[in-house]
């Protein structure tokens, strides 16, 4: 069974050192959220190849 959002957040918080500030904990939670979103994008095929990204960047320079 997949971990619920609440269980995941509790696990992430419990893995952190006791002396972390509120801001550091929030930053860590947001980091994990961004990673999960990125993995979902990969699974859904919402990604660009290296060549496509290079082409996009080169188009900005024109």
PDB file of N, CA and C in Angstrom:
ATOM      1  N   UNK A   1       0.837  -1.188   0.000  1.00  0.00           N
ATOM      2  CA  UNK A   1       0.000   0.000   0.000  1.00  0.00           C
ATOM      3  C   UNK A   1       0.880   1.250   0.000  1.00  0.00           C
ATOM      4  N   UNK A   2       0.506   2.194  -0.828  1.00  0.00           N
ATOM      5  CA  UNK A   2       1.305   3.416  -0.930  1.00  0.00           C
ATOM      6  C   UNK A   2       1.115   4.287   0.312  1.00  0.00           C
ATOM      7  N   UNK A   3       2.171   4.924   0.679  1.00  0.00           N
ATOM      8  CA  UNK A   3       2.195   5.823   1.823  1.00  0.00           C
ATOM      9  C   UNK A   3       1.261   7.008   1.577  1.00  0.00           C
ATOM     10  N   UNK A   4       0.470   7.404   2.576  1.00  0.00           N
ATOM     11  CA  UNK A   4      -0.392   8.578   2.433  1.00  0.00           C
ATOM     12  C   UNK A   4       0.460   9.840   2.526  1.00  0.00           C
ATOM     13  N   UNK A   5      -0.109  10.957   2.095  1.00  0.00           N
ATOM     14  CA  UNK A   5       0.612  12.225   2.171  1.00  0.00           C
ATOM     15  C   UNK A   5       0.994  12.532   3.615  1.00  0.00           C
ATOM     16  N   UNK A   6       0.059  12.309   4.524  1.00  0.00           N
ATOM     17  CA  UNK A   6       0.328  12.575   5.938  1.00  0.00           C
ATOM     18  C   UNK A   6       1.467  11.696   6.448  1.00  0.00           C
ATOM     19  N   UNK A   7       1.430  10.420   6.113  1.00  0.00           N
ATOM     20  CA  UNK A   7       2.496   9.503   6.540  1.00  0.00           C
ATOM     21  C   UNK A   7       3.842   9.919   5.960  1.00  0.00           C
ATOM     22  N   UNK A   8       3.843  10.323   4.687  1.00  0.00           N
ATOM     23  CA  UNK A   8       5.084  10.738   4.024  1.00  0.00           C
ATOM     24  C   UNK A   8       5.668  11.980   4.704  1.00  0.00           C
ATOM     25  N   UNK A   9       4.813  12.971   4.990  1.00  0.00           N
ATOM     26  CA  UNK A   9       5.291  14.193   5.632  1.00  0.00           C
ATOM     27  C   UNK A   9       5.835  13.909   7.024  1.00  0.00           C
ATOM     28  N   UNK A  10       5.125  13.082   7.774  1.00  0.00           N
ATOM     29  CA  UNK A  10       5.593  12.718   9.116  1.00  0.00           C
ATOM     30  C   UNK A  10       6.938  12.011   9.027  1.00  0.00           C
ATOM     31  N   UNK A  11       7.082  11.079   8.087  1.00  0.00           N
ATOM     32  CA  UNK A  11       8.343  10.347   7.930  1.00  0.00           C
ATOM     33  C   UNK A  11       9.493  11.298   7.600  1.00  0.00           C
ATOM     34  N   UNK A  12       9.246  12.214   6.660  1.00  0.00           N
ATOM     35  CA  UNK A  12      10.300  13.159   6.265  1.00  0.00           C
ATOM     36  C   UNK A  12      10.707  14.022   7.452  1.00  0.00           C
ATOM     37  N   UNK A  13       9.721  14.516   8.200  1.00  0.00           N
ATOM     38  CA  UNK A  13      10.022  15.358   9.361  1.00  0.00           C
ATOM     39  C   UNK A  13      10.798  14.567  10.406  1.00  0.00           C
ATOM     40  N   UNK A  14      10.398  13.333  10.655  1.00  0.00           N
ATOM     41  CA  UNK A  14      11.078  12.520  11.669  1.00  0.00           C
ATOM     42  C   UNK A  14      12.510  12.177  11.268  1.00  0.00           C
ATOM     43  N   UNK A  15      12.805  12.188   9.987  1.00  0.00           N
ATOM     44  CA  UNK A  15      14.164  11.894   9.519  1.00  0.00           C
ATOM     45  C   UNK A  15      15.118  13.075   9.704  1.00  0.00           C
ATOM     46  N   UNK A  16      14.578  14.247  10.024  1.00  0.00           N
ATOM     47  CA  UNK A  16      15.398  15.449  10.126  1.00  0.00           C
ATOM     48  C   UNK A  16      16.025  15.565  11.513  1.00  0.00           C
ATOM     49  N   UNK A  17      17.171  16.240  11.593  1.00  0.00           N
ATOM     50  CA  UNK A  17      17.802  16.462  12.899  1.00  0.00           C
ATOM     51  C   UNK A  17      16.881  17.288  13.808  1.00  0.00           C
ATOM     52  N   UNK A  18      16.981  17.067  15.097  1.00  0.00           N
ATOM     53  CA  UNK A  18      16.121  17.758  16.059  1.00  0.00           C
ATOM     54  C   UNK A  18      16.355  19.263  16.115  1.00  0.00           C
ATOM     55  N   UNK A  19      17.527  19.716  15.698  1.00  0.00           N
ATOM     56  CA  UNK A  19      17.839  21.142  15.819  1.00  0.00           C
ATOM     57  C   UNK A  19      17.489  21.957  14.570  1.00  0.00           C
ATOM     58  N   UNK A  20      16.734  21.382  13.647  1.00  0.00           N
ATOM     59  CA  UNK A  20      16.343  22.125  12.440  1.00  0.00           C
ATOM     60  C   UNK A  20      15.302  23.184  12.787  1.00  0.00           C
ATOM     61  N   UNK A  21      15.375  24.313  12.096  1.00  0.00           N
ATOM     62  CA  UNK A  21      14.378  25.365  12.284  1.00  0.00           C
ATOM     63  C   UNK A  21      13.131  25.040  11.471  1.00  0.00           C
ATOM     64  N   UNK A  22      12.053  25.773  11.762  1.00  0.00           N
ATOM     65  CA  UNK A  22      10.815  25.607  10.997  1.00  0.00           C
ATOM     66  C   UNK A  22      11.078  25.808   9.506  1.00  0.00           C
ATOM     67  N   UNK A  23      11.838  26.854   9.188  1.00  0.00           N
ATOM     68  CA  UNK A  23      12.123  27.169   7.786  1.00  0.00           C
ATOM     69  C   UNK A  23      12.904  26.049   7.111  1.00  0.00           C
ATOM     70  N   UNK A  24      13.860  25.477   7.802  1.00  0.00           N
ATOM     71  CA  UNK A  24      14.645  24.381   7.230  1.00  0.00           C
ATOM     72  C   UNK A  24      13.775  23.152   6.979  1.00  0.00           C
ATOM     73  N   UNK A  25      12.873  22.870   7.904  1.00  0.00           N
ATOM     74  CA  UNK A  25      11.969  21.731   7.723  1.00  0.00           C
ATOM     75  C   UNK A  25      11.049  21.975   6.538  1.00  0.00           C
ATOM     76  N   UNK A  26      10.493  23.184   6.442  1.00  0.00           N
ATOM     77  CA  UNK A  26       9.620  23.506   5.307  1.00  0.00           C
ATOM     78  C   UNK A  26      10.377  23.402   3.988  1.00  0.00           C
ATOM     79  N   UNK A  27      11.616  23.878   3.967  1.00  0.00           N
ATOM     80  CA  UNK A  27      12.433  23.795   2.755  1.00  0.00           C
ATOM     81  C   UNK A  27      12.652  22.336   2.357  1.00  0.00           C
ATOM     82  N   UNK A  28      12.897  21.480   3.336  1.00  0.00           N
ATOM     83  CA  UNK A  28      13.100  20.057   3.069  1.00  0.00           C
ATOM     84  C   UNK A  28      11.817  19.418   2.530  1.00  0.00           C
ATOM     85  N   UNK A  29      10.675  19.778   3.113  1.00  0.00           N
ATOM     86  CA  UNK A  29       9.395  19.249   2.636  1.00  0.00           C
ATOM     87  C   UNK A  29       9.126  19.690   1.195  1.00  0.00           C
ATOM     88  N   UNK A  30       9.410  20.951   0.898  1.00  0.00           N
ATOM     89  CA  UNK A  30       9.214  21.449  -0.466  1.00  0.00           C
ATOM     90  C   UNK A  30      10.167  20.776  -1.447  1.00  0.00           C
ATOM     91  N   UNK A  31      11.391  20.515  -1.012  1.00  0.00           N
ATOM     92  CA  UNK A  31      12.352  19.808  -1.857  1.00  0.00           C
ATOM     93  C   UNK A  31      11.809  18.432  -2.232  1.00  0.00           C
ATOM     94  N   UNK A  32      11.303  17.703  -1.246  1.00  0.00           N
ATOM     95  CA  UNK A  32      10.734  16.373  -1.510  1.00  0.00           C
ATOM     96  C   UNK A  32       9.528  16.475  -2.445  1.00  0.00           C
ATOM     97  N   UNK A  33       8.724  17.513  -2.272  1.00  0.00           N
ATOM     98  CA  UNK A  33       7.561  17.720  -3.142  1.00  0.00           C
ATOM     99  C   UNK A  33       8.000  17.943  -4.588  1.00  0.00           C
ATOM    100  N   UNK A  34       9.038  18.765  -4.777  1.00  0.00           N
ATOM    101  CA  UNK A  34       9.529  19.022  -6.132  1.00  0.00           C
ATOM    102  C   UNK A  34      10.068  17.747  -6.771  1.00  0.00           C
ATOM    103  N   UNK A  35      10.758  16.931  -5.998  1.00  0.00           N
ATOM    104  CA  UNK A  35      11.277  15.663  -6.517  1.00  0.00           C
ATOM    105  C   UNK A  35      10.129  14.764  -6.951  1.00  0.00           C
ATOM    106  N   UNK A  36       9.092  14.650  -6.114  1.00  0.00           N
ATOM    107  CA  UNK A  36       7.936  13.804  -6.458  1.00  0.00           C
ATOM    108  C   UNK A  36       7.260  14.299  -7.737  1.00  0.00           C
ATOM    109  N   UNK A  37       7.100  15.615  -7.853  1.00  0.00           N
ATOM    110  CA  UNK A  37       6.493  16.174  -9.066  1.00  0.00           C
ATOM    111  C   UNK A  37       7.338  15.862 -10.293  1.00  0.00           C
ATOM    112  N   UNK A  38       8.649  16.002 -10.155  1.00  0.00           N
ATOM    113  CA  UNK A  38       9.541  15.709 -11.267  1.00  0.00           C
ATOM    114  C   UNK A  38       9.463  14.258 -11.700  1.00  0.00           C
ATOM    115  N   UNK A  39       9.399  13.355 -10.728  1.00  0.00           N
ATOM    116  CA  UNK A  39       9.291  11.932 -11.061  1.00  0.00           C
ATOM    117  C   UNK A  39       7.966  11.631 -11.753  1.00  0.00           C
ATOM    118  N   UNK A  40       6.894  12.286 -11.316  1.00  0.00           N
ATOM    119  CA  UNK A  40       5.595  12.099 -11.975  1.00  0.00           C
ATOM    120  C   UNK A  40       5.646  12.630 -13.407  1.00  0.00           C
ATOM    121  N   UNK A  41       6.335  13.750 -13.620  1.00  0.00           N
ATOM    122  CA  UNK A  41       6.491  14.288 -14.974  1.00  0.00           C
ATOM    123  C   UNK A  41       7.234  13.300 -15.865  1.00  0.00           C
ATOM    124  N   UNK A  42       8.277  12.691 -15.329  1.00  0.00           N
ATOM    125  CA  UNK A  42       9.035  11.700 -16.096  1.00  0.00           C
ATOM    126  C   UNK A  42       8.135  10.529 -16.466  1.00  0.00           C
ATOM    127  N   UNK A  43       7.379  10.022 -15.498  1.00  0.00           N
ATOM    128  CA  UNK A  43       6.477   8.894 -15.754  1.00  0.00           C
ATOM    129  C   UNK A  43       5.437   9.231 -16.818  1.00  0.00           C
ATOM    130  N   UNK A  44       4.988  10.500 -16.838  1.00  0.00           N
ATOM    131  CA  UNK A  44       3.955  10.921 -17.783  1.00  0.00           C
ATOM    132  C   UNK A  44       4.541  11.369 -19.121  1.00  0.00           C
ATOM    133  N   UNK A  45       5.869  11.356 -19.234  1.00  0.00           N
ATOM    134  CA  UNK A  45       6.500  11.751 -20.487  1.00  0.00           C
ATOM    135  C   UNK A  45       6.582  13.255 -20.688  1.00  0.00           C
ATOM    136  N   UNK A  46       6.386  14.015 -19.617  1.00  0.00           N
ATOM    137  CA  UNK A  46       6.453  15.479 -19.711  1.00  0.00           C
ATOM    138  C   UNK A  46       7.883  15.943 -19.433  1.00  0.00           C
ATOM    139  N   UNK A  47       8.786  15.569 -20.337  1.00  0.00           N
ATOM    140  CA  UNK A  47      10.197  15.916 -20.185  1.00  0.00           C
ATOM    141  C   UNK A  47      10.756  16.347 -21.534  1.00  0.00           C
ATOM    142  N   UNK A  48      11.876  17.043 -21.497  1.00  0.00           N
ATOM    143  CA  UNK A  48      12.579  17.443 -22.709  1.00  0.00           C
ATOM    144  C   UNK A  48      13.932  16.746 -22.739  1.00  0.00           C
ATOM    145  N   UNK A  49      14.376  16.407 -23.929  1.00  0.00           N
ATOM    146  CA  UNK A  49      15.711  15.829 -24.062  1.00  0.00           C
ATOM    147  C   UNK A  49      16.751  16.934 -23.879  1.00  0.00           C
ATOM    148  N   UNK A  50      17.983  16.529 -23.672  1.00  0.00           N
ATOM    149  CA  UNK A  50      19.077  17.488 -23.536  1.00  0.00           C
ATOM    150  C   UNK A  50      19.149  18.379 -24.775  1.00  0.00           C
ATOM    151  N   UNK A  51      19.019  17.766 -25.941  1.00  0.00           N
ATOM    152  CA  UNK A  51      19.095  18.515 -27.196  1.00  0.00           C
ATOM    153  C   UNK A  51      17.976  19.554 -27.287  1.00  0.00           C
ATOM    154  N   UNK A  52      16.777  19.179 -26.844  1.00  0.00           N
ATOM    155  CA  UNK A  52      15.656  20.125 -26.881  1.00  0.00           C
ATOM    156  C   UNK A  52      15.901  21.315 -25.952  1.00  0.00           C
ATOM    157  N   UNK A  53      16.456  21.045 -24.788  1.00  0.00           N
ATOM    158  CA  UNK A  53      16.747  22.120 -23.841  1.00  0.00           C
ATOM    159  C   UNK A  53      17.818  23.043 -24.406  1.00  0.00           C
ATOM    160  N   UNK A  54      18.861  22.471 -24.985  1.00  0.00           N
ATOM    161  CA  UNK A  54      19.919  23.286 -25.588  1.00  0.00           C
ATOM    162  C   UNK A  54      19.326  24.159 -26.690  1.00  0.00           C
ATOM    163  N   UNK A  55      18.462  23.594 -27.516  1.00  0.00           N
ATOM    164  CA  UNK A  55      17.815  24.367 -28.573  1.00  0.00           C
ATOM    165  C   UNK A  55      16.989  25.512 -28.022  1.00  0.00           C
ATOM    166  N   UNK A  56      16.269  25.264 -26.940  1.00  0.00           N
ATOM    167  CA  UNK A  56      15.477  26.322 -26.303  1.00  0.00           C
ATOM    168  C   UNK A  56      16.383  27.446 -25.811  1.00  0.00           C
ATOM    169  N   UNK A  57      17.457  27.084 -25.133  1.00  0.00           N
ATOM    170  CA  UNK A  57      18.369  28.096 -24.594  1.00  0.00           C
ATOM    171  C   UNK A  57      19.013  28.891 -25.721  1.00  0.00           C
ATOM    172  N   UNK A  58      19.420  28.211 -26.775  1.00  0.00           N
ATOM    173  CA  UNK A  58      20.027  28.913 -27.909  1.00  0.00           C
ATOM    174  C   UNK A  58      19.045  29.874 -28.547  1.00  0.00           C
ATOM    175  N   UNK A  59      17.761  29.553 -28.551  1.00  0.00           N
ATOM    176  CA  UNK A  59      16.767  30.449 -29.147  1.00  0.00           C
ATOM    177  C   UNK A  59      16.612  31.728 -28.326  1.00  0.00           C
ATOM    178  N   UNK A  60      16.923  31.680 -27.037  1.00  0.00           N
ATOM    179  CA  UNK A  60      16.839  32.871 -26.198  1.00  0.00           C
ATOM    180  C   UNK A  60      17.932  33.868 -26.557  1.00  0.00           C
ATOM    181  N   UNK A  61      19.043  33.369 -27.048  1.00  0.00           N
ATOM    182  CA  UNK A  61      20.195  34.213 -27.341  1.00  0.00           C
ATOM    183  C   UNK A  61      20.059  34.960 -28.657  1.00  0.00           C
ATOM    184  N   UNK A  62      19.024  34.636 -29.430  1.00  0.00           N
ATOM    185  CA  UNK A  62      18.862  35.278 -30.743  1.00  0.00           C
ATOM    186  C   UNK A  62      18.042  36.533 -30.645  1.00  0.00           C
TER     187      UNK A  62
END
